[in-house]
Every structure is written in structure tokens, then in C-alpha cells.
Amino acid sequence: MRRMRVVHLVEGLALGGLERVVAGLIRHADLRRVAVEVIAAVRGGEVAAEIEAAGASVTVLGLTGYRPADVLALARVLRQRRIDVVHSHGHFAGVLGRAAAWWSGAPAAVHHLHTMDPTLKTRHHRVERVLARVTRRVICCSAAVARHAIEVMRLPADLTVVVPNGIDPPPASERAAALRAIGSPAPPVLGCVGSLTAHKGQDVLLRAAAALPRSACGSVVLIGDGPERGALERLAAAIGLSDRVRFTGVRPDARSLLPAFDVAVVPSTEREGMPLAALEAMDAGLPLVASRLGGLCEIVEPERTGLLVPPGDPAALSGALRAVLENPARSHALGEAARRSIETHFRAALMTRRIEAIEEEALHVRVAA
């Protein structure tokens, strides 16, 4: 029996949440039933090597848009490789991929929404609604993303399906080694992993930390980089926190550094689909304090697997951090419950089985039609 041929189409393969989800789908693909490959429409990146190590091919097309010539170029590749299901990720790849799937005659197209993208305008939503007519399923990483797709983008509700993100078990790592790897910051360590962009809310974390005594906040460690780094460094200096804040830059080994944290913080202020940073912190057995926002509300069960606070509220965040840090027994209980929750509900293998079932259904419905 011929295996279902699936291509995952992305814009690029830099180190980000969307790209790491795609890598997880490749690692856990059921190769007895599915043949998978990845096409990066515009550029490659660090995640390409991870995907190739898992045995899948990566093709970088170097396209610059989704003009007719770009669509035709991708359509030719899809036709030559006899692709059954085009699974696109993100708006750019979604427009290009579904147009090319239709042009090439690929039997089925599935689109994947990983976040609520505020940069998309009315015209982009209109394009998404047109493309919905040639889309078998729109996979949403959380119920919050599905609501956004239905209420804001105005996609048909019966087209959407929720499949939570999943992650692999954490790498072996000891606290002492993790602390050394980031320069031995003074404990207690408040840690945050994520791009340094405005909506990730690291500025809120810094203001919250400044309100804590050194006994409750020895250091703040920010893992990641981005356009807000300079502003965050200036803020840390202005509020007297420079000597307690460490910027590590992008760390591909971020998961192995998590044991250095005493508390993990996800202080996002605008949107979150289902952040891998939160899942990975919980999987490391850390107490998590996060914003009551988007998919975070679907990951964290308040007072059992973590604490949720209003987004953009430094005082509330500071109070929650103090409550966790001043009660070690409670901190341990939150971390252990969080770890069990991830093991049960948020594994990459489970995510992959669910998504492959959706791809098979999309293909069979199209073939039957």
C-alpha cells in the first residue's frame, strides 16, 4: 500500500516555536504509513539540521512572495513529488501552499495556525476566507486560536480543529551544570525563555522583579534575543536591576538550562497560541507564573499546575512570584503537578498521531469526493 505523501510547508526554519513544532511532527511521523518532507519557501535556518537528522529531506526554494510565478514554482515541485497532502504553517506559507496545492492538483490541503497574528489586516483575513474553500482542515494549536480564527478571521467553525502543541521529554540536565552554563547567577533565579519582542512582556517581568527583595529575586535570566533587547537593558539600568539581570541571547540548548531556574515566568502581554516555553518549563518540574492570556489558560490549571496573573500587571506578577518563592513546599507541588500534566496531555508523539489522523481524513474525504 502506497504511503501518504505529506509536505510541511514553512516560510523559513529559524529557531522558533512554529518551526520546532514542525520538527516534532517529523521526528514522530509514522513512517510505515506516511512519507514526510519539509519545504522552506523562503529561507532555511537552524531547525533544518534537526529535521534532516530525523530522516526527512529539506528543500529551500528561495521564493520572495506569493505572486503567480512563486505559486507556479511551488506547484511544479508538488506535482513532481506527487504530494498527497500539503500541510502549511503560518500565513505566508498558507497562502502560497494552498494556492500551489490547488494549481498542482494535490488531493488535499491542511493549514496550521500557531498563534493569533495581530499583524494580519482585513485584507489578509479576506484572503484566508477565500483559501478556506480549498482547505480541508484548519488545525489550531489551542482553543484560543480556534476562537480567533472563527470570530476574528471569520473562518467556518466546522473547518477548525484543535490539536494542542506537544513536546518531547526534557534532556538530562543537572541544576549545578545549568547554573554554570549561564554564569552562575545568584539565586533565587527568575527565568524567562522567549524572543525579546514587545508582546512577550519581559519589561513587565523586570518591573515585577524590581519590587522584590534580593532574598526573593537574586537574578533574572532572559534567554532569547530580539528587537527589544536594548530597551530592556536600558529599563534594567533605570530601575536599578542591571546587576541582577542576565541576557543570554539565543540558546539552542535552552531546555538544558531550565534546571537553573527557581521559577519560570511567561509574562506575555498580548497573545499566546500555546507557547512551547511554558510547556517546557512545566516539563522541567518548575513552578510557572504566566499571564492569564490565550492558550496559557489551557496549559495552566490555576493553583494546581501554576499561577496565572493579569497580563501587563507588574504588581500582580510580583505578588505571585513572592507567593511561590516564599513557600518551597507549594513551589515543589506546583512543579510536580505541572510535570505530570505535560506527560499526560502534551507530548509530541500524541500531537503527531492526532495530526496524521486529520491529514488522512482530509485525503480520504477528498479522494472519496
Protein backbone atom coordinates (compact mmCIF):
# COMPACT_ATOMS: atom_id res chain seq x y z
CA MET A 1 0.00 0.00 0.00
CA ARG A 2 1.39 3.40 -1.01
CA ARG A 3 2.26 5.68 1.90
CA MET A 4 0.55 9.04 2.19
CA ARG A 5 2.98 11.69 0.99
CA VAL A 6 2.88 14.82 3.16
CA VAL A 7 4.87 18.01 2.73
CA HIS A 8 5.13 20.51 5.58
CA LEU A 9 5.49 23.97 4.08
CA VAL A 10 7.01 26.79 6.13
CA GLU A 11 8.36 30.23 5.34
CA GLY A 12 11.73 29.53 6.97
CA LEU A 13 13.43 27.31 9.52
CA ALA A 14 14.87 29.69 12.09
CA LEU A 15 14.71 28.66 15.73
CA GLY A 16 11.11 29.42 16.69
CA GLY A 17 8.04 27.74 18.12
CA LEU A 18 6.32 27.04 14.80
CA GLU A 19 9.47 25.53 13.32
CA ARG A 20 10.08 23.37 16.38
CA VAL A 21 6.53 22.03 16.20
CA VAL A 22 7.20 21.02 12.59
CA ALA A 23 10.42 19.31 13.68
CA GLY A 24 8.41 17.36 16.27
CA LEU A 25 5.94 16.23 13.60
CA ILE A 26 8.86 14.95 11.53
CA ARG A 27 10.55 13.15 14.44
CA HIS A 28 7.39 11.28 15.39
CA ALA A 29 5.99 10.57 11.92
CA ASP A 30 4.68 7.02 11.47
CA LEU A 31 6.95 6.12 8.57
CA ARG A 32 5.05 2.89 7.93
CA ARG A 33 2.09 4.95 6.75
CA VAL A 34 3.42 8.44 6.00
CA ALA A 35 6.29 9.80 3.89
CA VAL A 36 7.14 13.31 5.08
CA GLU A 37 9.34 16.11 3.84
CA VAL A 38 9.73 19.83 4.52
CA ILE A 39 9.83 22.71 2.08
CA ALA A 40 11.01 26.11 3.26
CA ALA A 41 9.55 28.57 0.79
CA VAL A 42 11.94 31.45 1.51
CA ARG A 43 14.90 30.52 3.69
CA GLY A 44 16.46 27.74 5.74
CA GLY A 45 17.70 28.00 9.31
CA GLU A 46 18.92 26.17 12.38
CA VAL A 47 15.97 23.77 12.56
CA ALA A 48 16.77 22.33 9.10
CA ALA A 49 19.61 20.22 10.52
CA GLU A 50 17.32 18.82 13.21
CA ILE A 51 14.74 17.82 10.60
CA GLU A 52 17.34 16.21 8.34
CA ALA A 53 18.77 14.31 11.31
CA ALA A 54 15.31 12.82 11.79
CA GLY A 55 15.49 11.44 8.25
CA ALA A 56 13.37 13.91 6.28
CA SER A 57 14.53 15.98 3.34
CA VAL A 58 14.51 19.78 3.48
CA THR A 59 14.17 21.84 0.33
CA VAL A 60 14.72 25.60 0.35
CA LEU A 61 13.09 27.30 -2.65
CA GLY A 62 14.27 30.87 -2.09
CA LEU A 63 10.95 32.41 -3.17
CA THR A 64 10.24 36.05 -2.38
CA GLY A 65 6.45 36.24 -2.24
CA TYR A 66 3.28 34.55 -3.37
CA ARG A 67 3.00 36.09 -6.79
CA PRO A 68 1.82 33.82 -9.64
CA ALA A 69 5.41 32.91 -10.56
CA ASP A 70 6.09 31.81 -6.96
CA VAL A 71 2.90 29.77 -6.81
CA LEU A 72 3.73 28.06 -10.10
CA ALA A 73 7.27 27.27 -8.94
CA LEU A 74 5.97 25.53 -5.83
CA ALA A 75 3.15 23.83 -7.78
CA ARG A 76 5.72 22.24 -10.09
CA VAL A 77 7.60 20.82 -7.11
CA LEU A 78 4.40 19.43 -5.58
CA ARG A 79 3.40 17.82 -8.86
CA GLN A 80 6.85 16.30 -9.45
CA ARG A 81 6.91 14.78 -5.96
CA ARG A 82 3.32 13.51 -6.16
CA ILE A 83 2.35 15.13 -2.88
CA ASP A 84 -0.95 13.97 -1.37
CA VAL A 85 -1.31 16.47 1.48
CA VAL A 86 0.11 19.98 1.62
CA HIS A 87 0.31 20.98 5.29
CA SER A 88 1.13 24.69 5.53
CA HIS A 89 2.22 26.56 8.67
CA GLY A 90 1.73 30.31 9.17
CA HIS A 91 0.03 32.89 6.95
CA PHE A 92 2.71 33.33 4.26
CA ALA A 93 3.20 29.60 3.74
CA GLY A 94 -0.54 29.11 3.98
CA VAL A 95 -1.32 31.46 1.11
CA LEU A 96 1.48 30.15 -1.08
CA GLY A 97 0.96 26.50 -0.21
CA ARG A 98 -2.78 26.29 -0.66
CA ALA A 99 -2.71 28.22 -3.92
CA ALA A 100 0.03 25.90 -5.20
CA ALA A 101 -1.80 22.81 -3.94
CA TRP A 102 -4.89 23.84 -5.90
CA TRP A 103 -2.86 24.65 -9.01
CA SER A 104 -0.91 21.39 -8.87
CA GLY A 105 -3.94 19.23 -8.27
CA ALA A 106 -2.66 17.94 -4.92
CA PRO A 107 -5.52 15.95 -3.39
CA ALA A 108 -5.70 17.79 -0.03
CA ALA A 109 -4.51 20.94 1.74
CA VAL A 110 -4.39 21.39 5.51
CA HIS A 111 -3.44 24.65 7.18
CA HIS A 112 -1.99 25.11 10.68
CA LEU A 113 -2.50 28.21 12.84
CA HIS A 114 0.13 28.55 15.57
CA THR A 115 -0.91 31.91 17.04
CA MET A 116 -3.26 34.87 16.79
CA ASP A 117 -1.31 37.11 14.43
CA PRO A 118 -2.14 40.80 15.04
CA THR A 119 -0.13 41.90 12.01
CA LEU A 120 -2.75 40.42 9.70
CA LYS A 121 -5.13 43.06 8.36
CA THR A 122 -8.65 42.84 6.97
CA ARG A 123 -7.28 42.06 3.51
CA HIS A 124 -5.29 39.13 4.89
CA HIS A 125 -8.38 37.75 6.62
CA ARG A 126 -10.27 38.07 3.33
CA VAL A 127 -7.57 36.00 1.61
CA GLU A 128 -7.79 33.39 4.38
CA ARG A 129 -11.55 33.11 3.85
CA VAL A 130 -11.10 32.62 0.11
CA LEU A 131 -8.46 29.94 0.69
CA ALA A 132 -10.75 28.19 3.18
CA ARG A 133 -12.71 26.98 0.15
CA VAL A 134 -9.76 24.80 -0.90
CA THR A 135 -8.72 23.79 2.63
CA ARG A 136 -9.84 20.51 4.17
CA ARG A 137 -8.93 21.42 7.75
CA VAL A 138 -7.50 24.36 9.72
CA ILE A 139 -5.56 22.95 12.70
CA CYS A 140 -5.37 25.32 15.67
CA CYS A 141 -2.82 24.82 18.45
CA SER A 142 -5.30 25.91 21.13
CA ALA A 143 -8.99 26.68 21.64
CA ALA A 144 -7.99 30.36 21.94
CA VAL A 145 -6.51 30.27 18.43
CA ALA A 146 -9.61 28.50 17.13
CA ARG A 147 -11.85 31.20 18.62
CA HIS A 148 -9.70 33.85 16.96
CA ALA A 149 -9.95 32.01 13.63
CA ILE A 150 -13.75 31.85 13.88
CA GLU A 151 -14.56 35.21 15.47
CA VAL A 152 -11.87 37.50 14.03
CA MET A 153 -10.77 35.82 10.81
CA ARG A 154 -14.34 34.58 10.27
CA LEU A 155 -13.34 31.12 9.11
CA PRO A 156 -16.03 28.41 9.11
CA ALA A 157 -16.26 26.80 12.55
CA ASP A 158 -16.62 23.31 11.08
CA LEU A 159 -13.28 23.74 9.31
CA THR A 160 -11.28 24.22 12.51
CA VAL A 161 -9.95 21.52 14.81
CA VAL A 162 -7.86 21.96 17.95
CA VAL A 163 -4.67 19.93 18.42
CA PRO A 164 -2.54 21.18 21.33
CA ASN A 165 1.19 21.54 20.83
CA GLY A 166 3.34 18.73 22.16
CA ILE A 167 6.97 18.41 23.22
CA ASP A 168 9.48 15.62 23.73
CA PRO A 169 10.72 14.69 27.24
CA PRO A 170 13.39 17.03 28.57
CA PRO A 171 17.11 16.36 28.12
CA ALA A 172 19.07 15.14 31.12
CA SER A 173 20.43 18.16 32.95
CA GLU A 174 21.57 18.95 36.47
CA ARG A 175 20.98 22.26 38.24
CA ALA A 176 24.65 22.84 39.02
CA ALA A 177 25.69 22.39 35.39
CA ALA A 178 22.83 24.59 34.17
CA LEU A 179 23.84 27.37 36.56
CA ARG A 180 27.45 27.21 35.41
CA ALA A 181 26.34 27.35 31.77
CA ILE A 182 24.71 30.75 32.32
CA GLY A 183 27.43 32.22 34.52
CA SER A 184 26.27 31.13 37.99
CA PRO A 185 23.59 33.78 38.65
CA ALA A 186 22.66 34.40 42.27
CA PRO A 187 19.58 32.51 43.49
CA PRO A 188 16.65 32.66 43.58
CA VAL A 189 16.61 32.75 39.78
CA LEU A 190 13.58 34.01 37.90
CA GLY A 191 13.82 32.72 34.33
CA CYS A 192 12.09 33.60 31.10
CA VAL A 193 12.61 31.98 27.69
CA GLY A 194 11.36 33.74 24.58
CA SER A 195 12.07 36.24 21.85
CA LEU A 196 12.73 39.75 23.15
CA THR A 197 9.74 41.33 21.44
CA ALA A 198 7.22 43.74 22.91
CA HIS A 199 4.33 41.31 23.28
CA LYS A 200 6.43 38.79 25.24
CA GLY A 201 6.33 41.14 28.25
CA GLN A 202 9.87 40.86 29.61
CA ASP A 203 9.56 44.52 30.64
CA VAL A 204 6.70 43.54 32.95
CA LEU A 205 8.90 40.85 34.49
CA LEU A 206 11.72 43.33 35.10
CA ARG A 207 9.37 45.79 36.82
CA ALA A 208 7.91 42.97 38.93
CA ALA A 209 11.40 41.77 39.89
CA ALA A 210 12.46 45.27 40.90
CA ALA A 211 9.72 45.25 43.53
CA LEU A 212 11.11 42.07 45.13
CA PRO A 213 13.89 41.97 47.72
CA ARG A 214 17.10 40.17 46.83
CA SER A 215 16.01 37.33 49.09
CA ALA A 216 13.14 36.66 46.64
CA CYS A 217 14.97 37.62 43.43
CA GLY A 218 18.68 37.09 43.28
CA SER A 219 18.73 37.13 39.47
CA VAL A 220 16.55 37.44 36.40
CA VAL A 221 17.72 35.37 33.42
CA LEU A 222 16.32 36.18 29.98
CA ILE A 223 17.03 33.51 27.37
CA GLY A 224 16.44 34.75 23.84
CA ASP A 225 17.08 37.77 21.69
CA GLY A 226 15.17 40.25 19.62
CA PRO A 227 14.46 43.89 18.84
CA GLU A 228 13.58 44.85 22.43
CA ARG A 229 16.93 43.85 23.94
CA GLY A 230 18.33 47.37 24.01
CA ALA A 231 15.15 48.78 25.56
CA LEU A 232 15.16 46.04 28.19
CA GLU A 233 18.80 46.72 29.07
CA ARG A 234 18.01 50.41 29.49
CA LEU A 235 14.97 49.61 31.61
CA ALA A 236 17.01 47.31 33.86
CA ALA A 237 19.51 50.14 34.41
CA ALA A 238 16.79 52.72 35.05
CA ILE A 239 15.09 50.64 37.76
CA GLY A 240 18.31 49.56 39.46
CA LEU A 241 18.24 45.97 38.28
CA SER A 242 21.27 45.82 35.95
CA ASP A 243 23.41 43.83 38.36
CA ARG A 244 20.69 41.19 38.71
CA VAL A 245 19.69 40.68 35.05
CA ARG A 246 21.46 38.34 32.64
CA PHE A 247 20.78 38.34 28.90
CA THR A 248 21.98 35.04 27.45
CA GLY A 249 20.98 35.64 23.83
CA VAL A 250 19.55 32.79 21.78
CA ARG A 251 20.44 29.42 23.27
CA PRO A 252 19.61 26.30 21.24
CA ASP A 253 20.27 24.37 24.48
CA ALA A 254 17.65 26.38 26.38
CA ARG A 255 15.86 23.30 27.72
CA SER A 256 19.04 22.04 29.38
CA LEU A 257 19.33 25.40 31.17
CA LEU A 258 15.87 25.30 32.77
CA PRO A 259 17.01 23.49 35.96
CA ALA A 260 18.92 26.69 36.82
CA PHE A 261 15.58 28.46 37.36
CA ASP A 262 13.71 28.57 40.65
CA VAL A 263 10.61 29.93 38.93
CA ALA A 264 9.73 30.13 35.24
CA VAL A 265 7.83 33.17 34.03
CA VAL A 266 5.81 33.69 30.84
CA PRO A 267 4.75 37.37 31.14
CA SER A 268 3.21 37.84 27.67
CA THR A 269 1.01 40.89 27.27
CA GLU A 270 -0.91 40.50 24.01
CA ARG A 271 -1.28 36.99 22.64
CA GLU A 272 -0.16 33.42 23.04
CA GLY A 273 -1.26 30.45 20.99
CA MET A 274 0.29 27.65 23.04
CA PRO A 275 3.87 28.64 23.91
CA LEU A 276 6.45 25.88 23.98
CA ALA A 277 8.34 27.85 26.63
CA ALA A 278 5.51 27.25 29.09
CA LEU A 279 5.21 23.56 28.22
CA GLU A 280 8.96 23.03 28.57
CA ALA A 281 9.17 24.85 31.90
CA MET A 282 6.38 22.70 33.28
CA ASP A 283 8.02 19.57 31.89
CA ALA A 284 11.17 20.52 33.81
CA GLY A 285 9.14 20.46 37.02
CA LEU A 286 9.36 24.21 37.55
CA PRO A 287 6.66 26.30 39.18
CA LEU A 288 5.26 28.51 36.42
CA VAL A 289 3.83 32.00 36.73
CA ALA A 290 2.21 33.13 33.49
CA SER A 291 -0.19 35.66 32.07
CA ARG A 292 -3.89 34.82 32.01
CA LEU A 293 -3.93 35.01 28.24
CA GLY A 294 -4.80 32.89 25.20
CA GLY A 295 -3.61 29.30 25.21
CA LEU A 296 -1.78 29.75 28.52
CA CYS A 297 -5.17 29.35 30.20
CA GLU A 298 -5.43 25.91 28.58
CA ILE A 299 -2.00 24.80 29.78
CA VAL A 300 -2.05 26.06 33.37
CA GLU A 301 -4.61 24.89 35.88
CA PRO A 302 -4.50 27.74 38.41
CA GLU A 303 -3.22 26.85 41.87
CA ARG A 304 -2.51 23.27 40.78
CA THR A 305 -0.02 23.35 37.88
CA GLY A 306 0.96 27.01 38.05
CA LEU A 307 -0.26 30.54 38.73
CA LEU A 308 -1.95 32.92 36.30
CA VAL A 309 -1.88 36.71 36.63
CA PRO A 310 -3.43 39.56 34.64
CA PRO A 311 -1.24 40.44 31.64
CA GLY A 312 0.74 43.66 31.87
CA ASP A 313 0.39 43.95 35.67
CA PRO A 314 3.82 44.08 37.38
CA ALA A 315 2.30 44.30 40.87
CA ALA A 316 0.21 41.16 40.37
CA LEU A 317 3.18 39.32 38.87
CA SER A 318 5.42 40.38 41.75
CA GLY A 319 2.88 39.15 44.28
CA ALA A 320 2.55 35.77 42.57
CA LEU A 321 6.33 35.35 42.39
CA ARG A 322 6.67 36.18 46.07
CA ALA A 323 3.92 33.69 46.96
CA VAL A 324 5.75 30.89 45.15
CA LEU A 325 9.26 31.73 46.33
CA GLU A 326 8.29 32.12 49.98
CA ASN A 327 6.63 28.69 50.12
CA PRO A 328 9.04 25.94 48.95
CA ALA A 329 6.51 23.16 49.58
CA ARG A 330 3.95 24.87 47.41
CA SER A 331 6.56 25.56 44.74
CA HIS A 332 7.52 21.88 44.64
CA ALA A 333 3.89 20.75 44.47
CA LEU A 334 3.15 23.09 41.57
CA GLY A 335 6.18 21.86 39.65
CA GLU A 336 5.41 18.19 40.14
CA ALA A 337 1.77 18.60 39.12
CA ALA A 338 2.90 20.55 36.06
CA ARG A 339 5.31 17.79 35.06
CA ARG A 340 2.58 15.15 35.29
CA SER A 341 0.21 17.26 33.22
CA ILE A 342 2.73 17.59 30.38
CA GLU A 343 3.50 13.87 30.43
CA THR A 344 -0.20 13.06 30.13
CA HIS A 345 -1.52 15.68 27.73
CA PHE A 346 1.24 17.50 25.82
CA ARG A 347 3.66 15.04 24.25
CA ALA A 348 4.85 15.48 20.66
CA ALA A 349 4.08 11.86 19.81
CA LEU A 350 0.44 12.35 20.81
CA MET A 351 0.24 15.60 18.81
CA THR A 352 1.67 13.84 15.75
CA ARG A 353 -0.76 10.92 15.87
CA ARG A 354 -3.69 13.33 16.06
CA ILE A 355 -2.42 15.44 13.16
CA GLU A 356 -1.65 12.44 10.96
CA ALA A 357 -5.22 11.23 11.53
CA ILE A 358 -6.50 14.63 10.38
CA GLU A 359 -4.27 14.51 7.29
CA GLU A 360 -5.51 11.02 6.43
CA GLU A 361 -9.12 12.08 6.89
CA ALA A 362 -8.56 15.12 4.65
CA LEU A 363 -7.04 12.94 1.94
CA HIS A 364 -9.71 10.26 2.09
CA VAL A 365 -12.59 12.74 2.07
CA ARG A 366 -11.07 14.42 -1.00
CA VAL A 367 -10.46 11.10 -2.75
CA ALA A 368 -13.98 9.91 -1.95
CA ALA A 369 -15.40 13.15 -3.28
